[in-house]
Amino acid sequence: MDSVERVAAVRLAVPDTVAVSPKPSVLLQWLLHDIFYIAMLALALVGVVLRLPVSYWVILIPVFGVITVAEGWRNFAGSAERLGLLLRVALNWFALLLAIYLLSNEGVKGVMNVNATSLAMMTLLALGTFVAGVQARVWQVCAVGGVLFLAVPGLGWLDQSPLLISAAACMFIGLGGLAWWLTTRRVLNK
């Protein structure tokens, strides 16, 4: 058997298949697309739930600022517009840092307890996030700010009611399961 016949025999034995990589799940696509916004929410909620010190919130502000500028960068065409975005967002977050400094001042600290301080920090962060989202023209950042606003009274209530915490956890698990079931059903029907 010469080499040409061997190659032909191998080609007949091995079917021509194209390796197709599996399409990532809808949940994975959503996570990858919105990972920065999910991280913003998670970092803020962790700070309130664990009642982390003021230094955590001070570190969190530049992180939120960088995410806002990075996500809003594509919404501005020229270098002058992008420089304006950078300046507006920097001033926004600087004002927030100043407000946090004022809240962490010794005179104010004596009046507010740890729970109130954490909720105040999150309220300021929610306001700063919403305003930065408007300035950067990124609706997702505005939505993060809105969710943080809604979370402030929710976290205040959750602190006082373990039953409400359990009900909220069950609701989130149920909604997540329903969303997963609907998306897998839709994918399977296609």
N, C-alpha and C. Protein backbone atom coordinates (compact mmCIF):
# COMPACT_ATOMS: atom_id res chain seq x y z
N MET A 1 0.85 -1.17 0.00
CA MET A 1 0.00 0.00 0.00
C MET A 1 0.90 1.23 0.00
N ASP A 2 0.72 2.06 -0.98
CA ASP A 2 1.58 3.24 -1.03
C ASP A 2 1.01 4.34 -0.14
N SER A 3 1.72 5.43 -0.05
CA SER A 3 1.35 6.50 0.88
C SER A 3 0.03 7.16 0.50
N VAL A 4 -0.28 7.28 -0.77
CA VAL A 4 -1.54 7.90 -1.20
C VAL A 4 -2.72 7.04 -0.76
N GLU A 5 -2.59 5.71 -0.91
CA GLU A 5 -3.67 4.83 -0.51
C GLU A 5 -3.85 4.84 1.01
N ARG A 6 -2.75 4.95 1.77
CA ARG A 6 -2.84 5.01 3.23
C ARG A 6 -3.56 6.27 3.68
N VAL A 7 -3.25 7.40 3.06
CA VAL A 7 -3.92 8.66 3.40
C VAL A 7 -5.40 8.57 3.08
N ALA A 8 -5.74 7.99 1.94
CA ALA A 8 -7.15 7.83 1.57
C ALA A 8 -7.86 6.92 2.56
N ALA A 9 -7.20 5.85 3.00
CA ALA A 9 -7.80 4.93 3.96
C ALA A 9 -8.02 5.62 5.30
N VAL A 10 -7.08 6.44 5.72
CA VAL A 10 -7.23 7.17 6.97
C VAL A 10 -8.37 8.17 6.86
N ARG A 11 -8.46 8.84 5.73
CA ARG A 11 -9.55 9.81 5.54
C ARG A 11 -10.91 9.13 5.56
N LEU A 12 -11.01 7.94 5.02
CA LEU A 12 -12.27 7.22 5.05
C LEU A 12 -12.60 6.74 6.45
N ALA A 13 -11.59 6.39 7.22
CA ALA A 13 -11.81 5.87 8.56
C ALA A 13 -12.19 6.97 9.54
N VAL A 14 -11.68 8.18 9.34
CA VAL A 14 -11.96 9.29 10.24
C VAL A 14 -12.96 10.22 9.56
N PRO A 15 -14.16 10.33 10.09
CA PRO A 15 -15.15 11.20 9.46
C PRO A 15 -14.74 12.66 9.60
N ASP A 16 -15.15 13.44 8.64
CA ASP A 16 -14.88 14.88 8.68
C ASP A 16 -15.85 15.52 9.65
N THR A 17 -15.35 15.84 10.81
CA THR A 17 -16.18 16.52 11.80
C THR A 17 -15.50 17.81 12.18
N VAL A 18 -16.30 18.78 12.41
CA VAL A 18 -15.79 20.06 12.83
C VAL A 18 -16.05 20.15 14.33
N ALA A 19 -15.02 20.44 15.06
CA ALA A 19 -15.16 20.58 16.51
C ALA A 19 -15.89 21.87 16.81
N VAL A 20 -17.06 21.75 17.38
CA VAL A 20 -17.85 22.91 17.73
C VAL A 20 -17.81 23.04 19.24
N SER A 21 -17.35 24.19 19.68
CA SER A 21 -17.31 24.41 21.12
C SER A 21 -18.74 24.67 21.60
N PRO A 22 -19.08 24.12 22.73
CA PRO A 22 -20.44 24.33 23.22
C PRO A 22 -20.67 25.79 23.58
N LYS A 23 -21.88 26.27 23.30
CA LYS A 23 -22.23 27.65 23.61
C LYS A 23 -22.40 27.78 25.13
N PRO A 24 -21.80 28.83 25.71
CA PRO A 24 -21.94 28.99 27.16
C PRO A 24 -23.41 29.19 27.54
N SER A 25 -23.75 28.82 28.73
CA SER A 25 -25.13 28.94 29.19
C SER A 25 -25.54 30.42 29.26
N VAL A 26 -26.83 30.62 29.32
CA VAL A 26 -27.36 31.97 29.40
C VAL A 26 -26.90 32.64 30.69
N LEU A 27 -26.88 31.87 31.76
CA LEU A 27 -26.44 32.41 33.04
C LEU A 27 -24.98 32.83 32.99
N LEU A 28 -24.14 32.01 32.37
CA LEU A 28 -22.72 32.33 32.25
C LEU A 28 -22.52 33.56 31.36
N GLN A 29 -23.27 33.66 30.27
CA GLN A 29 -23.19 34.84 29.40
C GLN A 29 -23.57 36.09 30.17
N TRP A 30 -24.64 36.01 30.96
CA TRP A 30 -25.08 37.16 31.75
C TRP A 30 -24.03 37.54 32.77
N LEU A 31 -23.47 36.54 33.46
CA LEU A 31 -22.44 36.82 34.46
C LEU A 31 -21.22 37.50 33.84
N LEU A 32 -20.78 37.00 32.69
CA LEU A 32 -19.61 37.58 32.04
C LEU A 32 -19.88 39.00 31.53
N HIS A 33 -21.09 39.23 31.04
CA HIS A 33 -21.42 40.55 30.50
C HIS A 33 -21.58 41.59 31.61
N ASP A 34 -22.16 41.19 32.73
CA ASP A 34 -22.47 42.14 33.80
C ASP A 34 -21.64 41.92 35.06
N ILE A 35 -20.48 41.33 34.94
CA ILE A 35 -19.68 40.98 36.11
C ILE A 35 -19.29 42.20 36.95
N PHE A 36 -19.01 43.32 36.30
CA PHE A 36 -18.61 44.50 37.06
C PHE A 36 -19.76 45.06 37.89
N TYR A 37 -20.95 45.05 37.33
CA TYR A 37 -22.11 45.56 38.06
C TYR A 37 -22.48 44.64 39.21
N ILE A 38 -22.37 43.34 38.98
CA ILE A 38 -22.63 42.37 40.04
C ILE A 38 -21.59 42.55 41.16
N ALA A 39 -20.35 42.77 40.77
CA ALA A 39 -19.29 42.99 41.76
C ALA A 39 -19.56 44.25 42.57
N MET A 40 -20.02 45.31 41.91
CA MET A 40 -20.33 46.55 42.63
C MET A 40 -21.40 46.29 43.70
N LEU A 41 -22.46 45.60 43.31
CA LEU A 41 -23.52 45.30 44.27
C LEU A 41 -23.01 44.42 45.41
N ALA A 42 -22.28 43.39 45.05
CA ALA A 42 -21.79 42.46 46.07
C ALA A 42 -20.85 43.16 47.06
N LEU A 43 -19.94 43.97 46.56
CA LEU A 43 -19.00 44.66 47.43
C LEU A 43 -19.71 45.61 48.39
N ALA A 44 -20.71 46.33 47.90
CA ALA A 44 -21.44 47.26 48.76
C ALA A 44 -22.26 46.51 49.80
N LEU A 45 -22.93 45.44 49.39
CA LEU A 45 -23.75 44.69 50.34
C LEU A 45 -22.90 44.00 51.40
N VAL A 46 -21.74 43.50 51.00
CA VAL A 46 -20.83 42.87 51.97
C VAL A 46 -20.39 43.90 53.01
N GLY A 47 -20.12 45.12 52.56
CA GLY A 47 -19.70 46.17 53.49
C GLY A 47 -20.73 46.48 54.55
N VAL A 48 -22.01 46.47 54.15
CA VAL A 48 -23.07 46.78 55.11
C VAL A 48 -23.36 45.59 56.01
N VAL A 49 -23.46 44.42 55.42
CA VAL A 49 -23.81 43.23 56.19
C VAL A 49 -22.75 42.93 57.24
N LEU A 50 -21.49 43.06 56.86
CA LEU A 50 -20.40 42.77 57.80
C LEU A 50 -20.01 43.98 58.65
N ARG A 51 -20.67 45.11 58.41
CA ARG A 51 -20.41 46.35 59.15
C ARG A 51 -18.92 46.68 59.14
N LEU A 52 -18.37 46.73 57.93
CA LEU A 52 -16.94 46.97 57.77
C LEU A 52 -16.61 48.42 58.09
N PRO A 53 -15.38 48.69 58.47
CA PRO A 53 -15.01 50.05 58.89
C PRO A 53 -15.00 51.03 57.72
N VAL A 54 -14.84 52.28 58.06
CA VAL A 54 -14.87 53.36 57.07
C VAL A 54 -13.78 53.17 56.02
N SER A 55 -12.66 52.62 56.41
CA SER A 55 -11.57 52.42 55.45
C SER A 55 -12.00 51.53 54.28
N TYR A 56 -12.90 50.57 54.52
CA TYR A 56 -13.43 49.73 53.44
C TYR A 56 -14.16 50.59 52.42
N TRP A 57 -14.97 51.50 52.92
CA TRP A 57 -15.77 52.35 52.02
C TRP A 57 -14.86 53.31 51.25
N VAL A 58 -13.81 53.77 51.89
CA VAL A 58 -12.85 54.66 51.22
C VAL A 58 -12.13 53.91 50.11
N ILE A 59 -11.82 52.65 50.32
CA ILE A 59 -11.18 51.83 49.28
C ILE A 59 -12.17 51.51 48.17
N LEU A 60 -13.42 51.34 48.53
CA LEU A 60 -14.45 50.97 47.55
C LEU A 60 -14.74 52.09 46.55
N ILE A 61 -14.60 53.31 46.97
CA ILE A 61 -14.94 54.45 46.10
C ILE A 61 -14.08 54.49 44.83
N PRO A 62 -12.76 54.38 44.90
CA PRO A 62 -11.99 54.37 43.65
C PRO A 62 -12.32 53.16 42.76
N VAL A 63 -12.65 52.04 43.38
CA VAL A 63 -13.04 50.86 42.59
C VAL A 63 -14.30 51.17 41.79
N PHE A 64 -15.30 51.76 42.44
CA PHE A 64 -16.53 52.13 41.74
C PHE A 64 -16.24 53.19 40.67
N GLY A 65 -15.34 54.12 40.98
CA GLY A 65 -15.01 55.16 40.01
C GLY A 65 -14.35 54.58 38.77
N VAL A 66 -13.43 53.65 38.95
CA VAL A 66 -12.75 53.03 37.80
C VAL A 66 -13.74 52.24 36.95
N ILE A 67 -14.63 51.50 37.60
CA ILE A 67 -15.63 50.74 36.85
C ILE A 67 -16.53 51.68 36.07
N THR A 68 -16.94 52.77 36.68
CA THR A 68 -17.82 53.71 36.00
C THR A 68 -17.14 54.32 34.79
N VAL A 69 -15.90 54.75 34.94
CA VAL A 69 -15.18 55.35 33.80
C VAL A 69 -14.94 54.30 32.71
N ALA A 70 -14.55 53.10 33.10
CA ALA A 70 -14.27 52.06 32.12
C ALA A 70 -15.52 51.70 31.32
N GLU A 71 -16.65 51.61 31.99
CA GLU A 71 -17.89 51.25 31.29
C GLU A 71 -18.47 52.42 30.49
N GLY A 72 -18.22 53.64 30.94
CA GLY A 72 -18.76 54.79 30.23
C GLY A 72 -17.85 55.32 29.13
N TRP A 73 -16.63 54.86 29.08
CA TRP A 73 -15.62 55.36 28.14
C TRP A 73 -16.11 55.28 26.69
N ARG A 74 -16.75 54.19 26.32
CA ARG A 74 -17.18 53.99 24.94
C ARG A 74 -18.36 54.89 24.55
N ASN A 75 -19.00 55.52 25.52
CA ASN A 75 -20.14 56.39 25.24
C ASN A 75 -19.71 57.81 24.85
N PHE A 76 -18.42 58.08 24.88
CA PHE A 76 -17.91 59.40 24.56
C PHE A 76 -16.89 59.27 23.44
N ALA A 77 -17.05 60.09 22.40
CA ALA A 77 -16.26 59.90 21.18
C ALA A 77 -14.88 60.56 21.25
N GLY A 78 -14.84 61.83 21.50
CA GLY A 78 -13.58 62.56 21.42
C GLY A 78 -12.81 62.55 22.72
N SER A 79 -11.55 62.96 22.62
CA SER A 79 -10.71 62.99 23.81
C SER A 79 -11.19 64.07 24.79
N ALA A 80 -11.74 65.17 24.27
CA ALA A 80 -12.25 66.22 25.16
C ALA A 80 -13.46 65.71 25.95
N GLU A 81 -14.34 64.97 25.29
CA GLU A 81 -15.50 64.41 25.98
C GLU A 81 -15.08 63.38 27.02
N ARG A 82 -14.09 62.58 26.68
CA ARG A 82 -13.62 61.56 27.62
C ARG A 82 -12.91 62.20 28.81
N LEU A 83 -12.16 63.25 28.56
CA LEU A 83 -11.53 63.97 29.66
C LEU A 83 -12.59 64.59 30.57
N GLY A 84 -13.66 65.12 29.96
CA GLY A 84 -14.77 65.66 30.74
C GLY A 84 -15.43 64.59 31.60
N LEU A 85 -15.61 63.41 31.02
CA LEU A 85 -16.17 62.29 31.79
C LEU A 85 -15.27 61.98 32.98
N LEU A 86 -13.99 61.88 32.73
CA LEU A 86 -13.04 61.56 33.79
C LEU A 86 -13.08 62.61 34.90
N LEU A 87 -13.13 63.88 34.52
CA LEU A 87 -13.17 64.97 35.49
C LEU A 87 -14.47 64.95 36.30
N ARG A 88 -15.62 64.79 35.62
CA ARG A 88 -16.91 64.78 36.31
C ARG A 88 -17.00 63.61 37.29
N VAL A 89 -16.60 62.44 36.84
CA VAL A 89 -16.68 61.26 37.71
C VAL A 89 -15.71 61.40 38.88
N ALA A 90 -14.52 61.92 38.63
CA ALA A 90 -13.55 62.12 39.71
C ALA A 90 -14.08 63.10 40.76
N LEU A 91 -14.68 64.19 40.29
CA LEU A 91 -15.25 65.17 41.24
C LEU A 91 -16.41 64.55 42.02
N ASN A 92 -17.22 63.75 41.36
CA ASN A 92 -18.34 63.08 42.03
C ASN A 92 -17.83 62.20 43.16
N TRP A 93 -16.84 61.37 42.88
CA TRP A 93 -16.35 60.45 43.88
C TRP A 93 -15.52 61.17 44.95
N PHE A 94 -14.86 62.28 44.58
CA PHE A 94 -14.14 63.07 45.58
C PHE A 94 -15.13 63.68 46.57
N ALA A 95 -16.26 64.18 46.07
CA ALA A 95 -17.29 64.73 46.97
C ALA A 95 -17.82 63.64 47.90
N LEU A 96 -17.95 62.43 47.38
CA LEU A 96 -18.41 61.32 48.21
C LEU A 96 -17.38 61.00 49.28
N LEU A 97 -16.10 61.01 48.92
CA LEU A 97 -15.05 60.79 49.92
C LEU A 97 -15.09 61.85 51.02
N LEU A 98 -15.35 63.08 50.63
CA LEU A 98 -15.46 64.16 51.61
C LEU A 98 -16.64 63.93 52.54
N ALA A 99 -17.77 63.51 51.99
CA ALA A 99 -18.94 63.23 52.83
C ALA A 99 -18.67 62.06 53.79
N ILE A 100 -17.97 61.06 53.32
CA ILE A 100 -17.63 59.93 54.19
C ILE A 100 -16.68 60.37 55.30
N TYR A 101 -15.76 61.24 54.95
CA TYR A 101 -14.85 61.78 55.97
C TYR A 101 -15.63 62.53 57.04
N LEU A 102 -16.60 63.33 56.61
CA LEU A 102 -17.40 64.09 57.57
C LEU A 102 -18.21 63.16 58.47
N LEU A 103 -18.74 62.07 57.90
CA LEU A 103 -19.50 61.11 58.70
C LEU A 103 -18.62 60.33 59.67
N SER A 104 -17.36 60.16 59.31
CA SER A 104 -16.46 59.39 60.18
C SER A 104 -15.74 60.28 61.18
N ASN A 105 -16.03 61.56 61.16
CA ASN A 105 -15.45 62.51 62.10
C ASN A 105 -15.85 62.13 63.53
N GLU A 106 -15.00 62.40 64.47
CA GLU A 106 -15.23 62.01 65.86
C GLU A 106 -16.52 62.59 66.42
N GLY A 107 -16.87 63.81 66.04
CA GLY A 107 -18.10 64.42 66.54
C GLY A 107 -19.34 63.70 66.07
N VAL A 108 -19.34 63.25 64.84
CA VAL A 108 -20.49 62.54 64.29
C VAL A 108 -20.49 61.09 64.76
N LYS A 109 -19.32 60.50 64.91
CA LYS A 109 -19.21 59.10 65.33
C LYS A 109 -19.87 58.88 66.69
N GLY A 110 -19.79 59.86 67.56
CA GLY A 110 -20.40 59.72 68.89
C GLY A 110 -21.91 59.68 68.84
N VAL A 111 -22.49 60.23 67.79
CA VAL A 111 -23.94 60.29 67.67
C VAL A 111 -24.50 59.06 66.97
N MET A 112 -23.73 58.52 66.01
CA MET A 112 -24.22 57.40 65.20
C MET A 112 -23.59 56.09 65.67
N ASN A 113 -24.42 55.04 65.72
CA ASN A 113 -23.88 53.73 66.06
C ASN A 113 -23.34 53.05 64.80
N VAL A 114 -22.80 51.85 64.93
CA VAL A 114 -22.16 51.15 63.82
C VAL A 114 -23.16 50.83 62.72
N ASN A 115 -24.37 50.40 63.09
CA ASN A 115 -25.39 50.08 62.10
C ASN A 115 -25.78 51.31 61.28
N ALA A 116 -25.98 52.42 61.97
CA ALA A 116 -26.37 53.65 61.28
C ALA A 116 -25.24 54.14 60.37
N THR A 117 -24.01 53.99 60.82
CA THR A 117 -22.87 54.41 60.00
C THR A 117 -22.78 53.59 58.72
N SER A 118 -22.95 52.27 58.83
CA SER A 118 -22.90 51.42 57.65
C SER A 118 -24.00 51.77 56.66
N LEU A 119 -25.20 51.97 57.16
CA LEU A 119 -26.31 52.33 56.27
C LEU A 119 -26.11 53.71 55.66
N ALA A 120 -25.52 54.63 56.43
CA ALA A 120 -25.24 55.96 55.88
C ALA A 120 -24.19 55.88 54.78
N MET A 121 -23.17 55.05 54.99
CA MET A 121 -22.13 54.86 53.97
C MET A 121 -22.74 54.27 52.70
N MET A 122 -23.63 53.32 52.86
CA MET A 122 -24.24 52.71 51.69
C MET A 122 -25.18 53.69 50.99
N THR A 123 -25.86 54.53 51.74
CA THR A 123 -26.72 55.54 51.12
C THR A 123 -25.88 56.51 50.30
N LEU A 124 -24.76 56.95 50.86
CA LEU A 124 -23.87 57.83 50.11
C LEU A 124 -23.32 57.13 48.86
N LEU A 125 -22.95 55.88 49.02
CA LEU A 125 -22.44 55.12 47.88
C LEU A 125 -23.51 54.96 46.81
N ALA A 126 -24.74 54.73 47.23
CA ALA A 126 -25.85 54.60 46.27
C ALA A 126 -26.05 55.90 45.50
N LEU A 127 -26.03 57.01 46.21
CA LEU A 127 -26.19 58.31 45.55
C LEU A 127 -25.04 58.57 44.59
N GLY A 128 -23.81 58.34 45.04
CA GLY A 128 -22.65 58.56 44.18
C GLY A 128 -22.67 57.66 42.96
N THR A 129 -23.08 56.42 43.14
CA THR A 129 -23.13 55.47 42.03
C THR A 129 -24.18 55.88 41.02
N PHE A 130 -25.35 56.28 41.49
CA PHE A 130 -26.40 56.71 40.57
C PHE A 130 -25.98 57.93 39.77
N VAL A 131 -25.43 58.92 40.45
CA VAL A 131 -25.00 60.15 39.76
C VAL A 131 -23.87 59.85 38.78
N ALA A 132 -22.93 59.01 39.17
CA ALA A 132 -21.83 58.64 38.26
C ALA A 132 -22.36 57.90 37.04
N GLY A 133 -23.37 57.06 37.22
CA GLY A 133 -23.98 56.37 36.09
C GLY A 133 -24.65 57.33 35.12
N VAL A 134 -25.30 58.35 35.66
CA VAL A 134 -25.91 59.38 34.80
C VAL A 134 -24.82 60.12 34.04
N GLN A 135 -23.76 60.48 34.72
CA GLN A 135 -22.67 61.22 34.08
C GLN A 135 -21.97 60.39 33.01
N ALA A 136 -21.83 59.09 33.25
CA ALA A 136 -21.13 58.22 32.30
C ALA A 136 -22.07 57.65 31.24
N ARG A 137 -23.36 57.93 31.37
CA ARG A 137 -24.37 57.43 30.44
C ARG A 137 -24.40 55.91 30.39
N VAL A 138 -24.31 55.31 31.57
CA VAL A 138 -24.36 53.85 31.68
C VAL A 138 -25.54 53.51 32.58
N TRP A 139 -26.60 53.00 31.98
CA TRP A 139 -27.82 52.74 32.75
C TRP A 139 -27.59 51.64 33.78
N GLN A 140 -26.68 50.72 33.52
CA GLN A 140 -26.44 49.64 34.48
C GLN A 140 -25.85 50.18 35.78
N VAL A 141 -24.99 51.18 35.68
CA VAL A 141 -24.42 51.78 36.89
C VAL A 141 -25.52 52.53 37.64
N CYS A 142 -26.41 53.20 36.91
CA CYS A 142 -27.57 53.84 37.55
C CYS A 142 -28.43 52.80 38.26
N ALA A 143 -28.61 51.66 37.62
CA ALA A 143 -29.41 50.59 38.22
C ALA A 143 -28.76 50.06 39.50
N VAL A 144 -27.43 49.95 39.49
CA VAL A 144 -26.73 49.53 40.72
C VAL A 144 -27.00 50.54 41.83
N GLY A 145 -26.92 51.82 41.50
CA GLY A 145 -27.23 52.85 42.50
C GLY A 145 -28.66 52.73 43.00
N GLY A 146 -29.60 52.47 42.10
CA GLY A 146 -31.00 52.30 42.50
C GLY A 146 -31.20 51.10 43.40
N VAL A 147 -30.55 49.99 43.07
CA VAL A 147 -30.66 48.79 43.91
C VAL A 147 -30.04 49.05 45.28
N LEU A 148 -28.93 49.77 45.31
CA LEU A 148 -28.31 50.09 46.59
C LEU A 148 -29.23 50.99 47.43
N PHE A 149 -29.92 51.94 46.78
CA PHE A 149 -30.90 52.77 47.49
C PHE A 149 -31.98 51.90 48.11
N LEU A 150 -32.50 50.97 47.32
CA LEU A 150 -33.57 50.09 47.81
C LEU A 150 -33.07 49.14 48.89
N ALA A 151 -31.80 48.81 48.84
CA ALA A 151 -31.24 47.87 49.82
C ALA A 151 -31.07 48.50 51.20
N VAL A 152 -30.95 49.82 51.25
CA VAL A 152 -30.72 50.48 52.54
C VAL A 152 -31.87 50.21 53.50
N PRO A 153 -33.13 50.53 53.16
CA PRO A 153 -34.20 50.20 54.11
C PRO A 153 -34.38 48.70 54.27
N GLY A 154 -34.14 47.96 53.19
CA GLY A 154 -34.26 46.50 53.28
C GLY A 154 -33.29 45.92 54.28
N LEU A 155 -32.05 46.40 54.26
CA LEU A 155 -31.06 45.90 55.22
C LEU A 155 -31.38 46.35 56.64
N GLY A 156 -31.97 47.53 56.77
CA GLY A 156 -32.41 47.98 58.09
C GLY A 156 -33.48 47.07 58.66
N TRP A 157 -34.42 46.66 57.80
CA TRP A 157 -35.47 45.75 58.25
C TRP A 157 -34.93 44.35 58.50
N LEU A 158 -34.02 43.91 57.64
CA LEU A 158 -33.48 42.56 57.79
C LEU A 158 -32.69 42.40 59.08
N ASP A 159 -32.09 43.47 59.52
CA ASP A 159 -31.34 43.42 60.78
C ASP A 159 -32.26 43.07 61.95
N GLN A 160 -33.52 43.43 61.83
CA GLN A 160 -34.44 43.25 62.94
C GLN A 160 -35.33 42.02 62.78
N SER A 161 -35.22 41.29 61.66
CA SER A 161 -36.15 40.19 61.44
C SER A 161 -35.48 39.00 60.77
N PRO A 162 -35.08 38.00 61.52
CA PRO A 162 -34.50 36.80 60.92
C PRO A 162 -35.49 36.06 60.02
N LEU A 163 -36.79 36.12 60.36
CA LEU A 163 -37.80 35.47 59.53
C LEU A 163 -37.86 36.14 58.15
N LEU A 164 -37.74 37.44 58.12
CA LEU A 164 -37.74 38.16 56.84
C LEU A 164 -36.51 37.79 56.02
N ILE A 165 -35.39 37.57 56.68
CA ILE A 165 -34.18 37.13 55.97
C ILE A 165 -34.42 35.78 55.31
N SER A 166 -35.02 34.87 56.04
CA SER A 166 -35.31 33.54 55.49
C SER A 166 -36.28 33.63 54.32
N ALA A 167 -37.30 34.44 54.45
CA ALA A 167 -38.28 34.59 53.37
C ALA A 167 -37.63 35.20 52.13
N ALA A 168 -36.78 36.19 52.32
CA ALA A 168 -36.11 36.81 51.18
C ALA A 168 -35.18 35.82 50.49
N ALA A 169 -34.46 35.02 51.27
CA ALA A 169 -33.57 34.02 50.69
C ALA A 169 -34.36 32.99 49.88
N CYS A 170 -35.48 32.55 50.42
CA CYS A 170 -36.32 31.59 49.69
C CYS A 170 -36.87 32.21 48.41
N MET A 171 -37.24 33.49 48.48
CA MET A 171 -37.76 34.16 47.29
C MET A 171 -36.69 34.26 46.21
N PHE A 172 -35.48 34.63 46.59
CA PHE A 172 -34.39 34.73 45.61
C PHE A 172 -34.05 33.38 45.00
N ILE A 173 -34.03 32.35 45.83
CA ILE A 173 -33.75 31.01 45.31
C ILE A 173 -34.86 30.57 44.35
N GLY A 174 -36.11 30.84 44.73
CA GLY A 174 -37.23 30.50 43.85
C GLY A 174 -37.20 31.26 42.54
N LEU A 175 -36.93 32.55 42.59
CA LEU A 175 -36.84 33.35 41.35
C LEU A 175 -35.67 32.91 40.49
N GLY A 176 -34.55 32.60 41.12
CA GLY A 176 -33.40 32.10 40.36
C GLY A 176 -33.71 30.78 39.69
N GLY A 177 -34.37 29.88 40.41
CA GLY A 177 -34.76 28.59 39.83
C GLY A 177 -35.74 28.77 38.68
N LEU A 178 -36.69 29.68 38.84
CA LEU A 178 -37.65 29.95 37.76
C LEU A 178 -36.96 30.52 36.54
N ALA A 179 -36.04 31.45 36.74
CA ALA A 179 -35.30 32.04 35.62
C ALA A 179 -34.46 30.98 34.92
N TRP A 180 -33.82 30.11 35.69
CA TRP A 180 -33.01 29.04 35.10
C TRP A 180 -33.90 28.10 34.30
N TRP A 181 -35.04 27.72 34.86
CA TRP A 181 -35.95 26.79 34.19
C TRP A 181 -36.47 27.40 32.88
N LEU A 182 -36.85 28.68 32.92
CA LEU A 182 -37.37 29.33 31.71
C LEU A 182 -36.30 29.44 30.63
N THR A 183 -35.08 29.78 31.01
CA THR A 183 -34.03 29.93 30.00
C THR A 183 -33.61 28.59 29.42
N THR A 184 -33.52 27.55 30.24
CA THR A 184 -33.16 26.24 29.69
C THR A 184 -34.28 25.70 28.84
N ARG A 185 -35.50 25.95 29.20
CA ARG A 185 -36.65 25.52 28.40
C ARG A 185 -36.66 26.21 27.05
N ARG A 186 -36.37 27.52 27.06
CA ARG A 186 -36.34 28.30 25.83
C ARG A 186 -35.21 27.82 24.93
N VAL A 187 -34.04 27.53 25.51
CA VAL A 187 -32.90 27.05 24.73
C VAL A 187 -33.20 25.68 24.13
N LEU A 188 -33.83 24.81 24.90
CA LEU A 188 -34.14 23.48 24.41
C LEU A 188 -35.18 23.48 23.30
N ASN A 189 -36.09 24.45 23.34
CA ASN A 189 -37.15 24.54 22.32
C ASN A 189 -36.65 25.09 21.00
N LYS A 190 -35.49 25.69 20.99
CA LYS A 190 -34.97 26.28 19.74
C LYS A 190 -34.37 25.26 18.84
